[in-house]
Amino acid sequence: MFTKGNGKLPSPSEEISAFLGKETVFEGKMTFQGVFRLDGKFEGEIFDSGSLVIGETALVKGKIEVKTVVVHGVIEGDVHAGVRAEIHPTGKIHGNLVTPILLINEGGVFEGNCKMDRVTGQKESTDPQSPREERSLSD
């Protein structure tokens, strides 16, 4: 269904482990492992330890907490992506976002507040006057 390098999945080597089609309407709490693709309507909470792909026909209302989210459809609610968030040209997020890496393609929409948390295990200076910062600015 998906081939390496087509940009549809966060990691091309992963296969979709769960799928809700565009005619599907679901309310409640969802948890999953691996890659979950959603093309229908969902209202509630989504938690997992994998990647969530929001298809072009999808509308998600609620709270999302995943490792990676790839948005081609619409999310209305708060999103916490522990590794990465991508908003593609047809994608829209209306709500707050917490993620270390944010990619918004031309045409993508983000309306809300964003907090850029660093990736777990990565160390970086938060002091703007640190010696490392001063050296890099004077070079």
N, C-alpha and C. Protein backbone atom coordinates (compact mmCIF):
# COMPACT_ATOMS: atom_id res chain seq x y z
N MET A 1 0.81 -1.19 0.00
CA MET A 1 0.00 0.00 0.00
C MET A 1 0.86 1.25 0.00
N PHE A 2 1.90 1.29 0.84
CA PHE A 2 2.80 2.42 0.90
C PHE A 2 4.19 1.94 0.51
N THR A 3 4.89 2.77 -0.23
CA THR A 3 6.24 2.41 -0.62
C THR A 3 7.23 3.33 0.04
N LYS A 4 8.46 2.90 0.11
CA LYS A 4 9.51 3.67 0.75
C LYS A 4 9.69 5.02 0.05
N GLY A 5 9.72 6.08 0.89
CA GLY A 5 10.02 7.40 0.35
C GLY A 5 8.83 8.17 -0.20
N ASN A 6 7.59 7.70 -0.02
CA ASN A 6 6.46 8.43 -0.58
C ASN A 6 5.92 9.50 0.35
N GLY A 7 6.46 9.62 1.56
CA GLY A 7 6.06 10.67 2.47
C GLY A 7 4.74 10.43 3.20
N LYS A 8 4.10 9.29 3.02
CA LYS A 8 2.82 9.01 3.65
C LYS A 8 2.97 8.57 5.11
N LEU A 9 4.04 7.90 5.44
CA LEU A 9 4.25 7.40 6.79
C LEU A 9 5.49 8.03 7.41
N PRO A 10 5.48 8.20 8.73
CA PRO A 10 6.65 8.76 9.39
C PRO A 10 7.90 7.91 9.20
N SER A 11 7.75 6.61 9.19
CA SER A 11 8.86 5.71 8.96
C SER A 11 8.43 4.70 7.90
N PRO A 12 8.97 4.81 6.68
CA PRO A 12 8.51 3.96 5.58
C PRO A 12 8.65 2.47 5.85
N SER A 13 9.50 2.08 6.80
CA SER A 13 9.68 0.66 7.07
C SER A 13 8.54 0.09 7.93
N GLU A 14 7.75 0.97 8.56
CA GLU A 14 6.65 0.51 9.39
C GLU A 14 5.40 0.27 8.55
N GLU A 15 4.64 -0.75 8.92
CA GLU A 15 3.37 -1.03 8.26
C GLU A 15 2.24 -0.53 9.14
N ILE A 16 1.12 -0.20 8.53
CA ILE A 16 -0.05 0.25 9.28
C ILE A 16 -0.57 -0.91 10.11
N SER A 17 -0.72 -0.67 11.43
CA SER A 17 -1.22 -1.73 12.30
C SER A 17 -2.70 -1.57 12.61
N ALA A 18 -3.26 -0.36 12.40
CA ALA A 18 -4.68 -0.12 12.60
C ALA A 18 -5.15 0.93 11.61
N PHE A 19 -6.42 0.82 11.19
CA PHE A 19 -6.95 1.73 10.17
C PHE A 19 -8.43 1.95 10.42
N LEU A 20 -8.87 3.22 10.40
CA LEU A 20 -10.29 3.54 10.42
C LEU A 20 -10.60 4.28 9.13
N GLY A 21 -11.47 3.72 8.30
CA GLY A 21 -11.80 4.27 6.99
C GLY A 21 -12.60 5.57 7.05
N LYS A 22 -12.75 6.21 5.90
CA LYS A 22 -13.37 7.54 5.84
C LYS A 22 -14.86 7.53 6.21
N GLU A 23 -15.53 6.41 6.15
CA GLU A 23 -16.94 6.34 6.53
C GLU A 23 -17.12 5.99 8.00
N THR A 24 -16.02 5.83 8.73
CA THR A 24 -16.06 5.42 10.13
C THR A 24 -16.24 6.61 11.06
N VAL A 25 -17.11 6.45 12.07
CA VAL A 25 -17.28 7.44 13.12
C VAL A 25 -17.03 6.72 14.43
N PHE A 26 -16.11 7.28 15.25
CA PHE A 26 -15.73 6.62 16.49
C PHE A 26 -15.66 7.65 17.60
N GLU A 27 -16.21 7.31 18.78
CA GLU A 27 -16.12 8.16 19.96
C GLU A 27 -15.57 7.33 21.10
N GLY A 28 -14.65 7.92 21.87
CA GLY A 28 -14.10 7.23 23.03
C GLY A 28 -12.61 7.40 23.15
N LYS A 29 -11.97 6.39 23.78
CA LYS A 29 -10.52 6.40 23.97
C LYS A 29 -9.90 5.33 23.08
N MET A 30 -8.79 5.68 22.43
CA MET A 30 -8.11 4.75 21.54
C MET A 30 -6.65 4.65 21.96
N THR A 31 -6.16 3.43 22.07
CA THR A 31 -4.74 3.19 22.28
C THR A 31 -4.29 2.19 21.23
N PHE A 32 -3.02 2.28 20.85
CA PHE A 32 -2.51 1.37 19.82
C PHE A 32 -0.99 1.32 19.85
N GLN A 33 -0.44 0.37 19.15
CA GLN A 33 0.99 0.21 18.95
C GLN A 33 1.26 0.32 17.46
N GLY A 34 2.44 0.76 17.06
CA GLY A 34 2.80 0.83 15.65
C GLY A 34 2.27 2.06 14.97
N VAL A 35 1.70 1.89 13.76
CA VAL A 35 1.19 3.00 12.97
C VAL A 35 -0.33 2.88 12.85
N PHE A 36 -1.03 3.95 13.17
CA PHE A 36 -2.49 3.99 13.10
C PHE A 36 -2.87 5.06 12.09
N ARG A 37 -3.65 4.69 11.08
CA ARG A 37 -4.12 5.65 10.08
C ARG A 37 -5.61 5.87 10.29
N LEU A 38 -5.99 7.13 10.34
CA LEU A 38 -7.37 7.51 10.58
C LEU A 38 -7.85 8.38 9.43
N ASP A 39 -8.89 7.91 8.72
CA ASP A 39 -9.47 8.66 7.61
C ASP A 39 -10.90 9.10 7.91
N GLY A 40 -11.47 8.64 9.01
CA GLY A 40 -12.85 8.97 9.36
C GLY A 40 -12.94 10.06 10.40
N LYS A 41 -14.04 10.03 11.15
CA LYS A 41 -14.27 11.01 12.21
C LYS A 41 -14.04 10.35 13.56
N PHE A 42 -13.32 11.06 14.42
CA PHE A 42 -12.99 10.54 15.74
C PHE A 42 -13.19 11.65 16.76
N GLU A 43 -13.85 11.32 17.89
CA GLU A 43 -13.99 12.27 18.98
C GLU A 43 -13.62 11.56 20.27
N GLY A 44 -12.64 12.12 21.00
CA GLY A 44 -12.21 11.51 22.24
C GLY A 44 -10.73 11.70 22.47
N GLU A 45 -10.07 10.63 22.95
CA GLU A 45 -8.65 10.68 23.27
C GLU A 45 -7.92 9.56 22.54
N ILE A 46 -6.73 9.90 22.02
CA ILE A 46 -5.89 8.91 21.35
C ILE A 46 -4.53 8.93 22.04
N PHE A 47 -4.12 7.77 22.58
CA PHE A 47 -2.83 7.61 23.23
C PHE A 47 -2.14 6.41 22.62
N ASP A 48 -0.82 6.47 22.50
CA ASP A 48 -0.12 5.31 21.97
C ASP A 48 1.37 5.43 22.17
N SER A 49 2.10 4.47 21.60
CA SER A 49 3.56 4.53 21.60
C SER A 49 4.06 4.40 20.17
N GLY A 50 3.31 4.94 19.22
CA GLY A 50 3.68 4.83 17.82
C GLY A 50 3.38 6.09 17.05
N SER A 51 2.96 5.91 15.80
CA SER A 51 2.74 7.02 14.88
C SER A 51 1.27 7.08 14.47
N LEU A 52 0.75 8.30 14.39
CA LEU A 52 -0.63 8.52 13.99
C LEU A 52 -0.65 9.30 12.69
N VAL A 53 -1.33 8.75 11.68
CA VAL A 53 -1.47 9.42 10.39
C VAL A 53 -2.93 9.84 10.26
N ILE A 54 -3.16 11.15 10.15
CA ILE A 54 -4.50 11.70 9.98
C ILE A 54 -4.69 11.93 8.49
N GLY A 55 -5.54 11.14 7.85
CA GLY A 55 -5.77 11.23 6.41
C GLY A 55 -6.53 12.50 6.03
N GLU A 56 -6.56 12.81 4.73
CA GLU A 56 -7.20 14.03 4.22
C GLU A 56 -8.68 14.12 4.58
N THR A 57 -9.38 13.02 4.69
CA THR A 57 -10.81 13.03 4.98
C THR A 57 -11.11 12.96 6.48
N ALA A 58 -10.08 12.92 7.31
CA ALA A 58 -10.27 12.74 8.76
C ALA A 58 -10.57 14.05 9.48
N LEU A 59 -11.40 13.92 10.52
CA LEU A 59 -11.67 15.01 11.45
C LEU A 59 -11.55 14.42 12.85
N VAL A 60 -10.59 14.94 13.62
CA VAL A 60 -10.35 14.45 14.97
C VAL A 60 -10.63 15.59 15.94
N LYS A 61 -11.51 15.32 16.92
CA LYS A 61 -11.81 16.29 17.97
C LYS A 61 -11.45 15.65 19.30
N GLY A 62 -10.51 16.27 20.02
CA GLY A 62 -10.13 15.72 21.30
C GLY A 62 -8.66 15.89 21.59
N LYS A 63 -8.14 14.98 22.41
CA LYS A 63 -6.76 15.04 22.87
C LYS A 63 -5.96 13.91 22.23
N ILE A 64 -4.76 14.26 21.73
CA ILE A 64 -3.89 13.27 21.10
C ILE A 64 -2.54 13.29 21.80
N GLU A 65 -2.04 12.11 22.16
CA GLU A 65 -0.71 11.99 22.77
C GLU A 65 -0.03 10.79 22.12
N VAL A 66 0.89 11.06 21.18
CA VAL A 66 1.57 10.03 20.40
C VAL A 66 3.05 10.38 20.25
N LYS A 67 3.81 9.47 19.66
CA LYS A 67 5.21 9.78 19.35
C LYS A 67 5.31 10.71 18.15
N THR A 68 4.65 10.32 17.06
CA THR A 68 4.70 11.09 15.82
C THR A 68 3.29 11.26 15.28
N VAL A 69 2.97 12.47 14.82
CA VAL A 69 1.68 12.71 14.18
C VAL A 69 1.94 13.34 12.81
N VAL A 70 1.28 12.79 11.80
CA VAL A 70 1.36 13.30 10.43
C VAL A 70 -0.05 13.70 10.03
N VAL A 71 -0.24 15.00 9.77
CA VAL A 71 -1.59 15.53 9.59
C VAL A 71 -1.84 15.92 8.14
N HIS A 72 -2.80 15.23 7.51
CA HIS A 72 -3.29 15.58 6.18
C HIS A 72 -4.73 16.08 6.27
N GLY A 73 -5.40 15.81 7.41
CA GLY A 73 -6.78 16.20 7.64
C GLY A 73 -6.86 17.29 8.70
N VAL A 74 -7.88 17.20 9.57
CA VAL A 74 -8.14 18.25 10.56
C VAL A 74 -8.12 17.68 11.98
N ILE A 75 -7.40 18.38 12.86
CA ILE A 75 -7.41 18.07 14.29
C ILE A 75 -7.92 19.31 15.01
N GLU A 76 -8.91 19.11 15.88
CA GLU A 76 -9.41 20.17 16.75
C GLU A 76 -9.21 19.71 18.18
N GLY A 77 -8.14 20.19 18.80
CA GLY A 77 -7.83 19.79 20.16
C GLY A 77 -6.34 19.84 20.41
N ASP A 78 -5.95 19.42 21.59
CA ASP A 78 -4.55 19.47 21.99
C ASP A 78 -3.79 18.24 21.52
N VAL A 79 -2.55 18.49 21.06
CA VAL A 79 -1.70 17.43 20.53
C VAL A 79 -0.36 17.45 21.24
N HIS A 80 0.07 16.28 21.71
CA HIS A 80 1.41 16.13 22.26
C HIS A 80 2.10 15.04 21.44
N ALA A 81 3.07 15.46 20.64
CA ALA A 81 3.84 14.51 19.81
C ALA A 81 5.25 14.45 20.39
N GLY A 82 5.59 13.35 21.01
CA GLY A 82 6.86 13.22 21.73
C GLY A 82 8.09 13.27 20.86
N VAL A 83 7.97 12.96 19.56
CA VAL A 83 9.13 12.95 18.66
C VAL A 83 9.01 13.99 17.56
N ARG A 84 7.84 14.05 16.89
CA ARG A 84 7.72 14.91 15.71
C ARG A 84 6.26 15.14 15.34
N ALA A 85 5.98 16.34 14.80
CA ALA A 85 4.65 16.64 14.26
C ALA A 85 4.84 17.22 12.86
N GLU A 86 4.07 16.71 11.91
CA GLU A 86 4.11 17.20 10.53
C GLU A 86 2.71 17.61 10.11
N ILE A 87 2.61 18.82 9.53
CA ILE A 87 1.34 19.28 8.97
C ILE A 87 1.56 19.44 7.47
N HIS A 88 0.86 18.63 6.70
CA HIS A 88 1.02 18.64 5.25
C HIS A 88 0.08 19.67 4.62
N PRO A 89 0.17 19.93 3.30
CA PRO A 89 -0.59 21.01 2.67
C PRO A 89 -2.09 21.02 2.95
N THR A 90 -2.70 19.87 3.11
CA THR A 90 -4.15 19.81 3.38
C THR A 90 -4.45 19.70 4.87
N GLY A 91 -3.41 19.66 5.71
CA GLY A 91 -3.57 19.46 7.14
C GLY A 91 -3.85 20.73 7.92
N LYS A 92 -4.60 20.55 9.02
CA LYS A 92 -4.93 21.67 9.89
C LYS A 92 -4.94 21.20 11.34
N ILE A 93 -4.30 21.98 12.20
CA ILE A 93 -4.40 21.75 13.64
C ILE A 93 -4.95 23.02 14.26
N HIS A 94 -6.07 22.88 14.98
CA HIS A 94 -6.67 23.99 15.73
C HIS A 94 -6.61 23.59 17.19
N GLY A 95 -5.57 24.06 17.90
CA GLY A 95 -5.39 23.69 19.29
C GLY A 95 -3.95 23.85 19.69
N ASN A 96 -3.62 23.42 20.88
CA ASN A 96 -2.26 23.54 21.40
C ASN A 96 -1.43 22.34 20.99
N LEU A 97 -0.14 22.60 20.77
CA LEU A 97 0.77 21.55 20.30
C LEU A 97 2.05 21.57 21.12
N VAL A 98 2.48 20.39 21.57
CA VAL A 98 3.75 20.23 22.25
C VAL A 98 4.53 19.18 21.48
N THR A 99 5.72 19.55 20.97
CA THR A 99 6.54 18.64 20.20
C THR A 99 7.97 19.19 20.09
N PRO A 100 8.97 18.34 19.99
CA PRO A 100 10.34 18.85 19.80
C PRO A 100 10.62 19.27 18.36
N ILE A 101 9.94 18.67 17.40
CA ILE A 101 10.16 18.96 15.98
C ILE A 101 8.82 19.23 15.32
N LEU A 102 8.71 20.37 14.65
CA LEU A 102 7.47 20.73 13.96
C LEU A 102 7.79 21.08 12.52
N LEU A 103 7.09 20.42 11.60
CA LEU A 103 7.23 20.70 10.17
C LEU A 103 5.86 21.09 9.64
N ILE A 104 5.76 22.30 9.08
CA ILE A 104 4.52 22.75 8.47
C ILE A 104 4.79 23.01 6.99
N ASN A 105 4.21 22.20 6.13
CA ASN A 105 4.36 22.38 4.69
C ASN A 105 3.52 23.55 4.22
N GLU A 106 3.90 24.13 3.09
CA GLU A 106 3.15 25.24 2.51
C GLU A 106 1.71 24.82 2.31
N GLY A 107 0.78 25.62 2.81
CA GLY A 107 -0.64 25.30 2.74
C GLY A 107 -1.17 24.72 4.03
N GLY A 108 -0.29 24.15 4.86
CA GLY A 108 -0.71 23.60 6.15
C GLY A 108 -1.11 24.72 7.09
N VAL A 109 -2.04 24.43 8.01
CA VAL A 109 -2.56 25.44 8.92
C VAL A 109 -2.34 24.99 10.36
N PHE A 110 -1.82 25.90 11.17
CA PHE A 110 -1.70 25.67 12.61
C PHE A 110 -2.22 26.90 13.31
N GLU A 111 -3.29 26.73 14.10
CA GLU A 111 -3.85 27.82 14.89
C GLU A 111 -3.88 27.38 16.34
N GLY A 112 -3.04 28.02 17.15
CA GLY A 112 -2.97 27.67 18.56
C GLY A 112 -1.62 28.03 19.12
N ASN A 113 -1.30 27.46 20.26
CA ASN A 113 -0.01 27.68 20.91
C ASN A 113 0.85 26.46 20.72
N CYS A 114 2.17 26.70 20.59
CA CYS A 114 3.11 25.60 20.41
C CYS A 114 4.23 25.71 21.42
N LYS A 115 4.55 24.60 22.05
CA LYS A 115 5.69 24.52 22.95
C LYS A 115 6.65 23.50 22.36
N MET A 116 7.89 23.92 22.13
CA MET A 116 8.89 23.05 21.52
C MET A 116 9.73 22.40 22.62
N ASP A 117 9.31 21.24 23.10
CA ASP A 117 10.09 20.47 24.06
C ASP A 117 11.18 19.73 23.31
N ARG A 118 12.34 19.58 23.93
CA ARG A 118 13.43 18.86 23.27
C ARG A 118 13.18 17.36 23.34
N VAL A 119 13.81 16.64 22.42
CA VAL A 119 13.69 15.19 22.35
C VAL A 119 14.32 14.60 23.60
N THR A 120 13.72 13.59 24.17
CA THR A 120 14.24 12.94 25.36
C THR A 120 15.67 12.46 25.14
N GLY A 121 16.54 12.78 26.09
CA GLY A 121 17.93 12.35 25.99
C GLY A 121 18.83 13.36 25.30
N GLN A 122 18.27 14.37 24.66
CA GLN A 122 19.06 15.37 23.97
C GLN A 122 19.34 16.51 24.94
N LYS A 123 20.60 16.92 25.03
CA LYS A 123 20.96 18.01 25.92
C LYS A 123 21.27 19.23 25.09
N GLU A 124 20.71 20.36 25.54
CA GLU A 124 21.00 21.61 24.87
C GLU A 124 20.94 22.72 25.90
N SER A 125 21.69 23.76 25.67
CA SER A 125 21.74 24.88 26.59
C SER A 125 20.50 25.75 26.42
N THR A 126 19.90 26.11 27.56
CA THR A 126 18.76 27.02 27.51
C THR A 126 19.17 28.43 27.92
N ASP A 127 20.44 28.60 28.32
CA ASP A 127 20.96 29.90 28.72
C ASP A 127 21.49 30.63 27.49
N PRO A 128 20.84 31.75 27.09
CA PRO A 128 21.28 32.46 25.89
C PRO A 128 22.66 33.07 26.03
N GLN A 129 23.19 33.19 27.26
CA GLN A 129 24.52 33.77 27.47
C GLN A 129 25.58 32.71 27.72
N SER A 130 25.27 31.45 27.46
CA SER A 130 26.25 30.40 27.69
C SER A 130 27.46 30.59 26.79
N PRO A 131 28.66 30.16 27.24
CA PRO A 131 29.87 30.33 26.44
C PRO A 131 29.76 29.70 25.06
N ARG A 132 29.10 28.55 24.94
CA ARG A 132 28.96 27.91 23.65
C ARG A 132 28.19 28.81 22.69
N GLU A 133 27.13 29.43 23.18
CA GLU A 133 26.33 30.33 22.37
C GLU A 133 27.16 31.54 21.93
N GLU A 134 27.94 32.12 22.88
CA GLU A 134 28.73 33.30 22.56
C GLU A 134 29.79 32.98 21.49
N ARG A 135 30.43 31.80 21.59
CA ARG A 135 31.44 31.42 20.62
C ARG A 135 30.83 31.28 19.22
N SER A 136 29.67 30.65 19.15
CA SER A 136 29.07 30.42 17.84
C SER A 136 28.60 31.72 17.21
N LEU A 137 28.21 32.69 18.02
CA LEU A 137 27.77 33.96 17.49
C LEU A 137 28.92 34.85 17.02
N SER A 138 30.11 34.69 17.62
CA SER A 138 31.24 35.54 17.28
C SER A 138 32.06 35.00 16.11
N ASP A 139 31.79 33.78 15.68
CA ASP A 139 32.55 33.20 14.55
C ASP A 139 32.16 33.80 13.25
